[in-house]
C-alpha atoms as a PDB file:
ATOM      1  CA  MET A   1       6.496   4.382 -28.109  1.00  0.00           C
ATOM      2  CA  ASN A   2       7.365   1.531 -25.754  1.00  0.00           C
ATOM      3  CA  VAL A   3       7.203   2.354 -22.051  1.00  0.00           C
ATOM      4  CA  ASP A   4       7.500   0.777 -18.604  1.00  0.00           C
ATOM      5  CA  LEU A   5       4.909   1.696 -15.984  1.00  0.00           C
ATOM      6  CA  VAL A   6       5.060   1.901 -12.197  1.00  0.00           C
ATOM      7  CA  PHE A   7       1.770   2.147 -10.317  1.00  0.00           C
ATOM      8  CA  GLU A   8       1.419   3.452  -6.784  1.00  0.00           C
ATOM      9  CA  GLY A   9      -0.847   1.808  -4.224  1.00  0.00           C
ATOM     10  CA  GLY A  10      -4.175   3.337  -3.295  1.00  0.00           C
ATOM     11  CA  GLY A  11      -6.911   0.766  -2.681  1.00  0.00           C
ATOM     12  CA  VAL A  12     -10.070   1.498  -4.673  1.00  0.00           C
ATOM     13  CA  LEU A  13      -8.488   4.734  -5.907  1.00  0.00           C
ATOM     14  CA  GLY A  14      -6.597   2.426  -8.259  1.00  0.00           C
ATOM     15  CA  ILE A  15      -9.674   2.491 -10.492  1.00  0.00           C
ATOM     16  CA  SER A  16      -8.171   5.708 -11.828  1.00  0.00           C
ATOM     17  CA  PHE A  17      -5.297   3.639 -13.260  1.00  0.00           C
ATOM     18  CA  VAL A  18      -7.714   2.016 -15.713  1.00  0.00           C
ATOM     19  CA  GLY A  19      -8.573   5.405 -17.186  1.00  0.00           C
ATOM     20  CA  ALA A  20      -4.894   6.319 -17.216  1.00  0.00           C
ATOM     21  CA  TYR A  21      -3.996   3.147 -19.109  1.00  0.00           C
ATOM     22  CA  LYS A  22      -6.655   3.879 -21.722  1.00  0.00           C
ATOM     23  CA  ALA A  23      -5.276   7.385 -22.282  1.00  0.00           C
ATOM     24  CA  LEU A  24      -1.716   6.079 -22.610  1.00  0.00           C
ATOM     25  CA  SER A  25      -2.839   3.486 -25.157  1.00  0.00           C
ATOM     26  CA  GLU A  26      -4.741   6.075 -27.186  1.00  0.00           C
ATOM     27  CA  ASN A  27      -1.599   8.217 -27.270  1.00  0.00           C
ATOM     28  CA  GLY A  28       0.435   5.400 -28.798  1.00  0.00           C
ATOM     29  CA  TYR A  29       2.236   4.010 -25.749  1.00  0.00           C
ATOM     30  CA  LYS A  30       2.838   0.255 -25.589  1.00  0.00           C
ATOM     31  CA  VAL A  31       3.593  -1.183 -22.155  1.00  0.00           C
ATOM     32  CA  ILE A  32       6.545  -3.586 -21.902  1.00  0.00           C
ATOM     33  CA  ARG A  33       7.048  -3.946 -18.144  1.00  0.00           C
ATOM     34  CA  CYS A  34       4.945  -3.070 -15.107  1.00  0.00           C
ATOM     35  CA  ALA A  35       5.481  -2.761 -11.386  1.00  0.00           C
ATOM     36  CA  GLY A  36       2.999  -1.936  -8.691  1.00  0.00           C
ATOM     37  CA  THR A  37       2.100  -1.807  -5.044  1.00  0.00           C
ATOM     38  CA  SER A  38      -1.327  -2.675  -3.643  1.00  0.00           C
ATOM     39  CA  ALA A  39      -3.949  -1.573  -6.208  1.00  0.00           C
ATOM     40  CA  GLY A  40      -1.054  -0.853  -8.550  1.00  0.00           C
ATOM     41  CA  SER A  41      -0.173  -4.546  -8.502  1.00  0.00           C
ATOM     42  CA  ILE A  42      -3.649  -5.395  -9.823  1.00  0.00           C
ATOM     43  CA  ILE A  43      -3.565  -3.171 -12.921  1.00  0.00           C
ATOM     44  CA  SER A  44       0.078  -4.173 -13.521  1.00  0.00           C
ATOM     45  CA  THR A  45      -0.866  -7.846 -13.432  1.00  0.00           C
ATOM     46  CA  LEU A  46      -3.789  -7.437 -15.818  1.00  0.00           C
ATOM     47  CA  ILE A  47      -1.676  -5.501 -18.324  1.00  0.00           C
ATOM     48  CA  ILE A  48       1.199  -8.003 -18.331  1.00  0.00           C
ATOM     49  CA  ALA A  49      -1.265 -10.910 -18.449  1.00  0.00           C
ATOM     50  CA  GLY A  50      -2.393  -9.598 -21.829  1.00  0.00           C
ATOM     51  CA  TYR A  51      -5.669  -7.896 -21.033  1.00  0.00           C
ATOM     52  CA  ASN A  52      -6.225  -5.004 -23.430  1.00  0.00           C
ATOM     53  CA  VAL A  53      -7.755  -1.638 -22.578  1.00  0.00           C
ATOM     54  CA  GLN A  54     -11.316  -2.644 -23.428  1.00  0.00           C
ATOM     55  CA  GLU A  55     -11.077  -5.924 -21.527  1.00  0.00           C
ATOM     56  CA  ILE A  56      -9.809  -4.169 -18.399  1.00  0.00           C
ATOM     57  CA  HIS A  57     -12.577  -1.596 -18.748  1.00  0.00           C
ATOM     58  CA  ASP A  58     -15.113  -4.436 -18.972  1.00  0.00           C
ATOM     59  CA  ILE A  59     -13.638  -6.053 -15.856  1.00  0.00           C
ATOM     60  CA  LEU A  60     -14.055  -2.736 -14.051  1.00  0.00           C
ATOM     61  CA  ASN A  61     -17.686  -2.406 -15.126  1.00  0.00           C
ATOM     62  CA  ASN A  62     -18.556  -5.997 -14.232  1.00  0.00           C
ATOM     63  CA  THR A  63     -16.854  -6.140 -10.837  1.00  0.00           C
ATOM     64  CA  ASP A  64     -18.921  -5.977  -7.664  1.00  0.00           C
ATOM     65  CA  PHE A  65     -16.517  -4.244  -5.289  1.00  0.00           C
ATOM     66  CA  ASN A  66     -18.480  -5.497  -2.297  1.00  0.00           C
ATOM     67  CA  GLN A  67     -16.879  -8.894  -2.925  1.00  0.00           C
ATOM     68  CA  PHE A  68     -13.649  -7.439  -1.548  1.00  0.00           C
ATOM     69  CA  LEU A  69     -15.305  -7.103   1.846  1.00  0.00           C
ATOM     70  CA  GLU A  70     -15.419 -10.857   2.396  1.00  0.00           C
ATOM     71  CA  LYS A  71     -16.090 -11.690   6.018  1.00  0.00           C
ATOM     72  CA  THR A  72     -13.835 -14.007   7.986  1.00  0.00           C
ATOM     73  CA  LYS A  73     -15.409 -16.968   9.784  1.00  0.00           C
ATOM     74  CA  LEU A  74     -15.338 -15.081  13.086  1.00  0.00           C
ATOM     75  CA  GLU A  75     -17.083 -12.073  11.580  1.00  0.00           C
ATOM     76  CA  LYS A  76     -19.863 -14.298  10.261  1.00  0.00           C
ATOM     77  CA  VAL A  77     -20.727 -15.955  13.570  1.00  0.00           C
ATOM     78  CA  CYS A  78     -21.313 -13.102  15.998  1.00  0.00           C
ATOM     79  CA  PHE A  79     -22.214  -9.437  16.411  1.00  0.00           C
ATOM     80  CA  PHE A  80     -18.716  -8.489  17.567  1.00  0.00           C
ATOM     81  CA  GLY A  81     -17.166 -10.433  14.708  1.00  0.00           C
ATOM     82  CA  LYS A  82     -15.120  -7.566  13.255  1.00  0.00           C
ATOM     83  CA  GLY A  83     -13.368  -6.943  16.554  1.00  0.00           C
ATOM     84  CA  LEU A  84     -12.768 -10.639  17.121  1.00  0.00           C
ATOM     85  CA  SER A  85     -11.480 -11.092  13.578  1.00  0.00           C
ATOM     86  CA  LEU A  86      -9.086  -8.189  14.011  1.00  0.00           C
ATOM     87  CA  PHE A  87      -7.861  -9.638  17.314  1.00  0.00           C
ATOM     88  CA  PHE A  88      -7.504 -13.283  16.275  1.00  0.00           C
ATOM     89  CA  ASN A  89      -6.955 -13.018  12.496  1.00  0.00           C
ATOM     90  CA  ASN A  90      -5.069  -9.683  12.464  1.00  0.00           C
ATOM     91  CA  GLY A  91      -7.525  -8.300   9.925  1.00  0.00           C
ATOM     92  CA  ILE A  92     -11.222  -7.514   9.583  1.00  0.00           C
ATOM     93  CA  TYR A  93     -11.762  -8.920   6.083  1.00  0.00           C
ATOM     94  CA  ASN A  94     -10.430 -12.059   4.414  1.00  0.00           C
ATOM     95  CA  SER A  95      -7.656 -11.223   1.940  1.00  0.00           C
ATOM     96  CA  LEU A  96      -8.195 -14.556   0.176  1.00  0.00           C
ATOM     97  CA  CYS A  97     -10.983 -12.922  -1.866  1.00  0.00           C
ATOM     98  CA  ILE A  98      -8.354 -10.851  -3.703  1.00  0.00           C
ATOM     99  CA  GLU A  99      -6.270 -13.890  -4.600  1.00  0.00           C
ATOM    100  CA  THR A 100      -9.321 -15.825  -5.802  1.00  0.00           C
ATOM    101  CA  TRP A 101     -10.509 -12.949  -8.001  1.00  0.00           C
ATOM    102  CA  ILE A 102      -7.120 -12.369  -9.640  1.00  0.00           C
ATOM    103  CA  LYS A 103      -6.472 -16.097 -10.041  1.00  0.00           C
ATOM    104  CA  ASP A 104      -9.712 -16.528 -11.988  1.00  0.00           C
ATOM    105  CA  LEU A 105      -8.778 -13.659 -14.313  1.00  0.00           C
ATOM    106  CA  LEU A 106      -5.290 -15.062 -14.895  1.00  0.00           C
ATOM    107  CA  ILE A 107      -6.621 -18.544 -15.651  1.00  0.00           C
ATOM    108  CA  LYS A 108      -8.606 -17.058 -18.552  1.00  0.00           C
ATOM    109  CA  LYS A 109      -5.260 -16.030 -20.073  1.00  0.00           C
ATOM    110  CA  GLY A 110      -3.613 -19.382 -19.316  1.00  0.00           C
ATOM    111  CA  ILE A 111      -1.437 -17.890 -16.582  1.00  0.00           C
ATOM    112  CA  ASN A 112      -0.749 -19.070 -13.031  1.00  0.00           C
ATOM    113  CA  THR A 113       2.840 -18.502 -11.900  1.00  0.00           C
ATOM    114  CA  PHE A 114       5.460 -15.903 -12.776  1.00  0.00           C
ATOM    115  CA  GLY A 115       7.135 -18.556 -14.913  1.00  0.00           C
ATOM    116  CA  ASP A 116       4.213 -18.296 -17.329  1.00  0.00           C
ATOM    117  CA  ILE A 117       5.115 -14.689 -18.186  1.00  0.00           C
ATOM    118  CA  MET A 118       8.913 -14.817 -17.913  1.00  0.00           C
ATOM    119  CA  GLU A 119      11.276 -14.263 -20.812  1.00  0.00           C
ATOM    120  CA  ASN A 120      14.927 -15.283 -20.395  1.00  0.00           C
ATOM    121  CA  ASN A 121      14.194 -16.002 -16.711  1.00  0.00           C
ATOM    122  CA  GLU A 122      13.166 -12.397 -16.130  1.00  0.00           C
ATOM    123  CA  SER A 123       9.675 -11.308 -15.139  1.00  0.00           C
ATOM    124  CA  PRO A 124       8.202  -8.205 -16.830  1.00  0.00           C
ATOM    125  CA  LEU A 125       5.984  -7.895 -13.749  1.00  0.00           C
ATOM    126  CA  LYS A 126       7.272  -6.773 -10.340  1.00  0.00           C
ATOM    127  CA  ILE A 127       5.020  -6.692  -7.291  1.00  0.00           C
ATOM    128  CA  ILE A 128       5.879  -4.976  -4.011  1.00  0.00           C
ATOM    129  CA  ALA A 129       4.864  -6.429  -0.634  1.00  0.00           C
ATOM    130  CA  ALA A 130       6.032  -6.006   2.963  1.00  0.00           C
ATOM    131  CA  ASP A 131       7.234  -8.850   5.196  1.00  0.00           C
ATOM    132  CA  ILE A 132       6.618  -7.368   8.645  1.00  0.00           C
ATOM    133  CA  THR A 133       8.188 -10.388  10.356  1.00  0.00           C
ATOM    134  CA  LYS A 134      11.517  -9.985   8.566  1.00  0.00           C
ATOM    135  CA  ARG A 135      10.990  -6.202   8.405  1.00  0.00           C
ATOM    136  CA  LYS A 136      11.786  -6.320   4.705  1.00  0.00           C
ATOM    137  CA  MET A 137      10.338  -4.938   1.521  1.00  0.00           C
ATOM    138  CA  LEU A 138       9.707  -7.728  -0.969  1.00  0.00           C
ATOM    139  CA  ILE A 139      10.077  -7.463  -4.725  1.00  0.00           C
ATOM    140  CA  LEU A 140       8.214 -10.414  -6.174  1.00  0.00           C
ATOM    141  CA  PRO A 141       8.932 -12.763  -7.783  1.00  0.00           C
ATOM    142  CA  ASP A 142      12.645 -12.114  -7.130  1.00  0.00           C
ATOM    143  CA  ASP A 143      12.416 -12.388  -3.337  1.00  0.00           C
ATOM    144  CA  ALA A 144      10.476 -15.660  -3.418  1.00  0.00           C
ATOM    145  CA  ILE A 145      13.842 -17.357  -2.904  1.00  0.00           C
ATOM    146  CA  LEU A 146      13.825 -16.037   0.676  1.00  0.00           C
ATOM    147  CA  TYR A 147      11.103 -18.589   1.368  1.00  0.00           C
ATOM    148  CA  GLY A 148      12.692 -21.474  -0.505  1.00  0.00           C
ATOM    149  CA  ILE A 149      10.519 -20.933  -3.586  1.00  0.00           C
ATOM    150  CA  LYS A 150      11.867 -20.497  -7.107  1.00  0.00           C
ATOM    151  CA  PRO A 151      10.723 -17.145  -8.573  1.00  0.00           C
ATOM    152  CA  GLN A 152       9.229 -18.876 -11.610  1.00  0.00           C
ATOM    153  CA  ASP A 153       7.111 -21.121  -9.357  1.00  0.00           C
ATOM    154  CA  PHE A 154       5.557 -18.351  -7.263  1.00  0.00           C
ATOM    155  CA  PRO A 155       1.820 -17.802  -7.945  1.00  0.00           C
ATOM    156  CA  ILE A 156       1.086 -14.321  -9.286  1.00  0.00           C
ATOM    157  CA  ALA A 157      -2.311 -14.166  -7.574  1.00  0.00           C
ATOM    158  CA  LYS A 158      -0.719 -14.811  -4.183  1.00  0.00           C
ATOM    159  CA  ALA A 159       1.791 -12.008  -4.795  1.00  0.00           C
ATOM    160  CA  VAL A 160      -1.074  -9.627  -5.620  1.00  0.00           C
ATOM    161  CA  ARG A 161      -2.925 -10.695  -2.480  1.00  0.00           C
ATOM    162  CA  MET A 162       0.186  -9.983  -0.409  1.00  0.00           C
ATOM    163  CA  SER A 163       0.627  -6.569  -1.975  1.00  0.00           C
ATOM    164  CA  CYS A 164      -3.030  -5.666  -1.376  1.00  0.00           C
ATOM    165  CA  ALA A 165      -3.351  -6.918   2.206  1.00  0.00           C
ATOM    166  CA  ILE A 166      -3.959  -3.531   3.852  1.00  0.00           C
ATOM    167  CA  PRO A 167      -2.848  -3.809   7.514  1.00  0.00           C
ATOM    168  CA  PHE A 168      -5.739  -4.423   9.940  1.00  0.00           C
ATOM    169  CA  PHE A 169      -8.263  -4.108   7.095  1.00  0.00           C
ATOM    170  CA  TYR A 170      -7.291  -7.409   5.444  1.00  0.00           C
ATOM    171  CA  THR A 171      -5.857 -10.553   6.994  1.00  0.00           C
ATOM    172  CA  PRO A 172      -2.101 -10.795   6.362  1.00  0.00           C
ATOM    173  CA  VAL A 173      -0.688 -13.581   4.207  1.00  0.00           C
ATOM    174  CA  LYS A 174       1.333 -16.192   6.078  1.00  0.00           C
ATOM    175  CA  ILE A 175       4.342 -17.780   4.402  1.00  0.00           C
ATOM    176  CA  LYS A 176       6.888 -20.107   5.972  1.00  0.00           C
ATOM    177  CA  SER A 177      10.667 -19.896   5.779  1.00  0.00           C
ATOM    178  CA  GLY A 178      12.148 -22.790   7.720  1.00  0.00           C
ATOM    179  CA  LYS A 179      10.721 -22.651  11.229  1.00  0.00           C
ATOM    180  CA  ILE A 180       9.689 -19.010  10.888  1.00  0.00           C
ATOM    181  CA  THR A 181       6.238 -17.962   9.695  1.00  0.00           C
ATOM    182  CA  SER A 182       6.304 -14.538   8.071  1.00  0.00           C
ATOM    183  CA  TYR A 183       3.338 -12.195   7.943  1.00  0.00           C
ATOM    184  CA  VAL A 184       3.176 -10.332   4.635  1.00  0.00           C
ATOM    185  CA  VAL A 185       1.027  -7.240   4.074  1.00  0.00           C
ATOM    186  CA  ASP A 186       0.416  -4.304   1.720  1.00  0.00           C
ATOM    187  CA  GLY A 187       3.636  -3.218   0.035  1.00  0.00           C
ATOM    188  CA  GLY A 188       2.665   0.413   0.515  1.00  0.00           C
ATOM    189  CA  LEU A 189       3.719   0.072   4.131  1.00  0.00           C
ATOM    190  CA  LEU A 190       7.357   0.206   2.976  1.00  0.00           C
ATOM    191  CA  SER A 191       7.238   1.522  -0.588  1.00  0.00           C
ATOM    192  CA  SER A 192       4.006   2.780  -2.073  1.00  0.00           C
ATOM    193  CA  TYR A 193       5.742   4.293  -5.111  1.00  0.00           C
ATOM    194  CA  PRO A 194       8.695   2.187  -6.409  1.00  0.00           C
ATOM    195  CA  ILE A 195       9.504   4.483  -9.342  1.00  0.00           C
ATOM    196  CA  TRP A 196      13.150   3.377  -9.142  1.00  0.00           C
ATOM    197  CA  ILE A 197      12.507  -0.298  -9.835  1.00  0.00           C
ATOM    198  CA  PHE A 198      13.408  -0.360 -13.554  1.00  0.00           C
ATOM    199  CA  ASP A 199      16.207   2.224 -13.389  1.00  0.00           C
ATOM    200  CA  VAL A 200      19.611   1.499 -14.923  1.00  0.00           C
ATOM    201  CA  ASP A 201      22.923   3.350 -14.655  1.00  0.00           C
ATOM    202  CA  SER A 202      23.135   4.015 -18.382  1.00  0.00           C
ATOM    203  CA  LYS A 203      20.674   5.511 -20.843  1.00  0.00           C
ATOM    204  CA  PRO A 204      17.410   3.513 -20.679  1.00  0.00           C
ATOM    205  CA  ILE A 205      16.102   1.895 -23.854  1.00  0.00           C
ATOM    206  CA  ARG A 206      12.637   3.293 -23.086  1.00  0.00           C
ATOM    207  CA  PRO A 207      11.084   5.670 -20.551  1.00  0.00           C
ATOM    208  CA  THR A 208       9.474   4.665 -17.277  1.00  0.00           C
ATOM    209  CA  PHE A 209       6.330   6.522 -16.253  1.00  0.00           C
ATOM    210  CA  GLY A 210       5.072   6.508 -12.698  1.00  0.00           C
ATOM    211  CA  LEU A 211       1.429   6.966 -11.784  1.00  0.00           C
ATOM    212  CA  LYS A 212       0.802   8.434  -8.352  1.00  0.00           C
ATOM    213  CA  ILE A 213      -2.457   9.369  -6.646  1.00  0.00           C
ATOM    214  CA  LYS A 214      -2.581  12.581  -4.652  1.00  0.00           C
ATOM    215  CA  ASP A 215      -5.180  12.137  -1.916  1.00  0.00           C
ATOM    216  CA  GLU A 216      -6.356  15.540  -0.726  1.00  0.00           C
ATOM    217  CA  TYR A 217      -8.586  14.773   2.233  1.00  0.00           C
ATOM    218  CA  SER A 218      -8.492  12.630   5.353  1.00  0.00           C
ATOM    219  CA  LYS A 219     -11.652  11.784   7.258  1.00  0.00           C
ATOM    220  CA  THR A 220     -10.433  13.567  10.381  1.00  0.00           C
ATOM    221  CA  SER A 221      -9.667  16.707   8.355  1.00  0.00           C
ATOM    222  CA  LEU A 222     -13.353  16.728   7.438  1.00  0.00           C
ATOM    223  CA  GLY A 223     -14.339  16.750  11.101  1.00  0.00           C
ATOM    224  CA  LYS A 224     -14.968  13.014  11.498  1.00  0.00           C
ATOM    225  CA  LYS A 225     -13.381  12.044  14.810  1.00  0.00           C
ATOM    226  CA  TYR A 226     -15.007   8.724  15.695  1.00  0.00           C
ATOM    227  CA  LEU A 227     -12.862   5.604  16.120  1.00  0.00           C
ATOM    228  CA  CYS A 228     -13.577   4.140  12.673  1.00  0.00           C
ATOM    229  CA  ALA A 229     -12.600   7.431  10.996  1.00  0.00           C
ATOM    230  CA  ILE A 230      -9.334   7.637  12.923  1.00  0.00           C
ATOM    231  CA  THR A 231      -8.546   3.979  12.172  1.00  0.00           C
ATOM    232  CA  SER A 232      -9.316   4.560   8.490  1.00  0.00           C
ATOM    233  CA  ASP A 233      -6.965   7.553   8.407  1.00  0.00           C
ATOM    234  CA  ILE A 234      -4.194   5.508  10.028  1.00  0.00           C
ATOM    235  CA  ILE A 235      -4.561   2.853   7.327  1.00  0.00           C
ATOM    236  CA  ASN A 236      -4.677   5.427   4.532  1.00  0.00           C
ATOM    237  CA  ALA A 237      -1.649   7.240   5.961  1.00  0.00           C
ATOM    238  CA  CYS A 238       0.300   3.978   5.770  1.00  0.00           C
ATOM    239  CA  ILE A 239      -0.556   3.078   2.188  1.00  0.00           C
ATOM    240  CA  ASN A 240      -0.922   6.589   0.727  1.00  0.00           C
ATOM    241  CA  LYS A 241       1.943   8.245   2.546  1.00  0.00           C
ATOM    242  CA  ASP A 242       3.535  11.222   0.852  1.00  0.00           C
ATOM    243  CA  GLU A 243       6.751   9.986  -0.732  1.00  0.00           C
ATOM    244  CA  MET A 244       7.074  12.985  -3.038  1.00  0.00           C
ATOM    245  CA  ARG A 245       9.459  14.681  -0.597  1.00  0.00           C
ATOM    246  CA  PHE A 246      11.989  11.975  -1.435  1.00  0.00           C
ATOM    247  CA  VAL A 247      11.400  11.905  -5.190  1.00  0.00           C
ATOM    248  CA  ARG A 248      14.294  13.183  -7.294  1.00  0.00           C
ATOM    249  CA  ASP A 249      13.750  15.802  -9.983  1.00  0.00           C
ATOM    250  CA  LYS A 250      14.292  13.207 -12.703  1.00  0.00           C
ATOM    251  CA  ASP A 251      11.533  11.096 -11.151  1.00  0.00           C
ATOM    252  CA  LEU A 252       9.143  13.981 -10.647  1.00  0.00           C
ATOM    253  CA  VAL A 253       9.101  14.896 -14.328  1.00  0.00           C
ATOM    254  CA  ARG A 254       8.177  11.318 -15.295  1.00  0.00           C
ATOM    255  CA  THR A 255       5.442  11.060 -12.659  1.00  0.00           C
ATOM    256  CA  ILE A 256       1.789  11.372 -13.647  1.00  0.00           C
ATOM    257  CA  ILE A 257      -0.001  12.917 -10.666  1.00  0.00           C
ATOM    258  CA  ILE A 258      -3.653  11.898 -10.343  1.00  0.00           C
ATOM    259  CA  ASN A 259      -5.507  14.289  -8.044  1.00  0.00           C
ATOM    260  CA  ASN A 260      -8.276  12.803  -5.919  1.00  0.00           C
ATOM    261  CA  ASP A 261     -10.402  15.691  -4.663  1.00  0.00           C
ATOM    262  CA  HIS A 262     -13.658  13.720  -4.482  1.00  0.00           C
ATOM    263  CA  GLN A 263     -13.279  12.577  -0.856  1.00  0.00           C
ATOM    264  CA  ILE A 264     -13.163   8.907  -1.892  1.00  0.00           C
ATOM    265  CA  LYS A 265     -10.834   6.942   0.370  1.00  0.00           C
ATOM    266  CA  SER A 266      -8.751   3.884  -0.478  1.00  0.00           C
ATOM    267  CA  THR A 267     -10.955   1.568   1.597  1.00  0.00           C
ATOM    268  CA  ASP A 268     -14.322   2.886   0.325  1.00  0.00           C
ATOM    269  CA  PHE A 269     -15.327  -0.299  -1.502  1.00  0.00           C
ATOM    270  CA  LYS A 270     -19.031   0.567  -1.570  1.00  0.00           C
ATOM    271  CA  LEU A 271     -18.721   2.789  -4.614  1.00  0.00           C
ATOM    272  CA  SER A 272     -21.522   4.287  -6.641  1.00  0.00           C
ATOM    273  CA  GLU A 273     -21.441   4.290 -10.439  1.00  0.00           C
ATOM    274  CA  GLU A 274     -20.746   8.018 -10.213  1.00  0.00           C
ATOM    275  CA  ASP A 275     -17.702   7.372  -8.009  1.00  0.00           C
ATOM    276  CA  ILE A 276     -16.305   4.773 -10.411  1.00  0.00           C
ATOM    277  CA  ASN A 277     -16.784   7.051 -13.422  1.00  0.00           C
ATOM    278  CA  TYR A 278     -15.156   9.925 -11.545  1.00  0.00           C
ATOM    279  CA  LEU A 279     -12.056   7.894 -10.669  1.00  0.00           C
ATOM    280  CA  TYR A 280     -11.784   6.571 -14.230  1.00  0.00           C
ATOM    281  CA  LYS A 281     -12.029  10.062 -15.734  1.00  0.00           C
ATOM    282  CA  MET A 282      -9.571  11.417 -13.177  1.00  0.00           C
ATOM    283  CA  GLY A 283      -6.914   8.970 -14.382  1.00  0.00           C
ATOM    284  CA  TYR A 284      -7.688   9.547 -18.058  1.00  0.00           C
ATOM    285  CA  ASP A 285      -7.523  13.346 -17.811  1.00  0.00           C
ATOM    286  CA  SER A 286      -4.282  13.294 -15.806  1.00  0.00           C
ATOM    287  CA  VAL A 287      -2.502  11.317 -18.518  1.00  0.00           C
ATOM    288  CA  GLU A 288      -3.875  13.560 -21.262  1.00  0.00           C
ATOM    289  CA  SER A 289      -2.374  16.575 -19.487  1.00  0.00           C
ATOM    290  CA  PHE A 290       0.943  14.793 -18.907  1.00  0.00           C
ATOM    291  CA  VAL A 291       1.586  13.591 -22.467  1.00  0.00           C
ATOM    292  CA  LYS A 292       1.124  17.106 -23.845  1.00  0.00           C
ATOM    293  CA  LYS A 293       4.195  18.217 -21.877  1.00  0.00           C
ATOM    294  CA  TRP A 294       6.328  15.059 -21.931  1.00  0.00           C
ATOM    295  CA  ASN A 295       9.364  14.918 -24.210  1.00  0.00           C
ATOM    296  CA  TYR A 296      11.639  11.891 -23.942  1.00  0.00           C
ATOM    297  CA  THR A 297      14.511  13.513 -25.838  1.00  0.00           C
ATOM    298  CA  ASP A 298      14.524  16.485 -23.460  1.00  0.00           C
ATOM    299  CA  TYR A 299      14.390  14.115 -20.498  1.00  0.00           C
ATOM    300  CA  ILE A 300      17.477  12.209 -21.700  1.00  0.00           C
ATOM    301  CA  LYS A 301      19.408  15.428 -22.396  1.00  0.00           C
ATOM    302  CA  ARG A 302      18.603  16.821 -18.967  1.00  0.00           C
ATOM    303  CA  PHE A 303      19.148  13.794 -16.756  1.00  0.00           C
ATOM    304  CA  MET A 304      21.201  11.210 -18.650  1.00  0.00           C
ATOM    305  CA  VAL A 305      24.057  13.278 -20.034  1.00  0.00           C
END
């Protein structure tokens, strides 16, 4: 069955999406369109770029996650570099490392801009970011026109970088619109779970599944009360905020909940092999449980009649 997918944000917890994608593929689901925020934008991009399940799994196994902790110039030159980088660069780590990594992967598939994947001037990939200067949620590539850029000309890797630029953790992406310079950060700040993005008023031609990570523990709930723990919880609260209170019944039944009870946080990039395998299995098992209960015909009868 054909399906559209919407991936929530979640930093490194997004590794679970790789396992989820494998389970969906094994159960006969073919992905047509994808949307995502933060880590969700990464898996969405790889799927639409044409990477198959095994290739994405290989990327996961061959990726050194420490590369996503790239120091800024200020952080490299002195002992108090992190504080100085946060003060002067508005982020501890350089978000450019994300763009470079994704760009290299896209080049291998002959892809650079959204125009390379468009059909009939419509992109099958939607990426969510947050323009904190304009105080606006961005749906890319559509909203590229706000900055005088044609949607088809906007680089996909830059959109992913924007969506993944966790506030304070990563440097924001600057983009000009006339005389105004906008600062763009992690889309999860405004919408971490855009399950609505492919909705239509009439009966859909295929279902949309949402994948959402349920993060059980904060660092402060575990008794960690030092400044770094509190700062980490603030960041995680922003990008992993609980939007389920606002999810409609028709969205809840098409949402695959991935439970993270392993105390791994979204910014824990120094993962062990055990952590990576746990997150992968967590996503795989959640989909296996979901597809046993899912019935598209029942869904249409209940919510589209």
